[in-house]
Amino acid sequence: MVGQNYYRPSNPEILKEFGKVFDLNIKLVNIDDDFGGGTKATEKFFADGTIFDQIYKK
């Protein structure tokens, strides 16, 4: 089972079984709702010279 390996289950019913392991009140981000989808997020954060490159400089 996913939760037994410390991956947060996406199924709410299964997540309840792991309430002692995972905070059930945490608000998770959703790539579509919070970032406009994967393509927009990649363009803004991960394309060459964008935010990831700026914070990852050596």
Protein backbone atom coordinates (compact mmCIF):
# COMPACT_ATOMS: atom_id res chain seq x y z
CA MET A 1 0.00 0.00 0.00
CA VAL A 2 1.21 3.49 -0.80
CA GLY A 3 0.71 4.90 2.70
CA GLN A 4 2.77 2.12 4.27
CA ASN A 5 5.74 3.38 2.24
CA TYR A 6 5.14 6.98 3.44
CA TYR A 7 3.68 8.23 0.16
CA ARG A 8 0.59 10.34 0.77
CA PRO A 9 -2.48 8.49 -0.57
CA SER A 10 -4.62 10.55 -2.95
CA ASN A 11 -7.77 8.58 -2.15
CA PRO A 12 -9.47 10.35 0.82
CA GLU A 13 -10.77 7.09 2.31
CA ILE A 14 -7.33 5.47 2.30
CA LEU A 15 -5.76 8.69 3.58
CA LYS A 16 -7.99 8.49 6.66
CA GLU A 17 -6.36 5.16 7.52
CA PHE A 18 -3.02 6.97 7.76
CA GLY A 19 -4.19 9.95 9.80
CA LYS A 20 -1.45 9.37 12.37
CA VAL A 21 1.22 9.52 9.66
CA PHE A 22 -0.08 12.37 7.48
CA ASP A 23 -1.59 15.69 8.52
CA LEU A 24 -5.18 15.46 7.30
CA ASN A 25 -5.76 19.22 7.54
CA ILE A 26 -2.95 20.31 5.24
CA LYS A 27 -3.96 22.10 2.04
CA LEU A 28 -2.04 20.63 -0.87
CA VAL A 29 -1.32 22.55 -4.04
CA ASN A 30 -2.81 21.44 -7.32
CA ILE A 31 -0.78 22.10 -10.45
CA ASP A 32 -3.88 22.91 -12.52
CA ASP A 33 -5.65 25.12 -9.98
CA ASP A 34 -2.62 26.82 -8.45
CA PHE A 35 -0.22 27.09 -11.40
CA GLY A 36 -2.39 26.98 -14.53
CA GLY A 37 -1.32 23.48 -15.54
CA GLY A 38 1.91 21.65 -16.19
CA THR A 39 2.86 23.56 -19.33
CA LYS A 40 2.52 26.97 -17.69
CA ALA A 41 4.34 25.81 -14.56
CA THR A 42 7.22 24.45 -16.65
CA GLU A 43 7.48 27.70 -18.61
CA LYS A 44 7.51 29.81 -15.45
CA PHE A 45 9.59 27.67 -13.09
CA PHE A 46 11.68 25.11 -14.99
CA ALA A 47 12.53 26.45 -18.46
CA ASP A 48 16.10 27.61 -19.03
CA GLY A 49 16.84 30.79 -17.12
CA THR A 50 13.63 30.82 -15.08
CA ILE A 51 13.04 30.58 -11.34
CA PHE A 52 14.59 27.14 -10.76
CA ASP A 53 17.80 28.16 -12.51
CA GLN A 54 17.95 31.38 -10.50
CA ILE A 55 17.68 29.65 -7.11
CA TYR A 56 19.90 26.71 -8.08
CA LYS A 57 22.97 28.73 -9.08
CA LYS A 58 26.17 27.46 -7.54
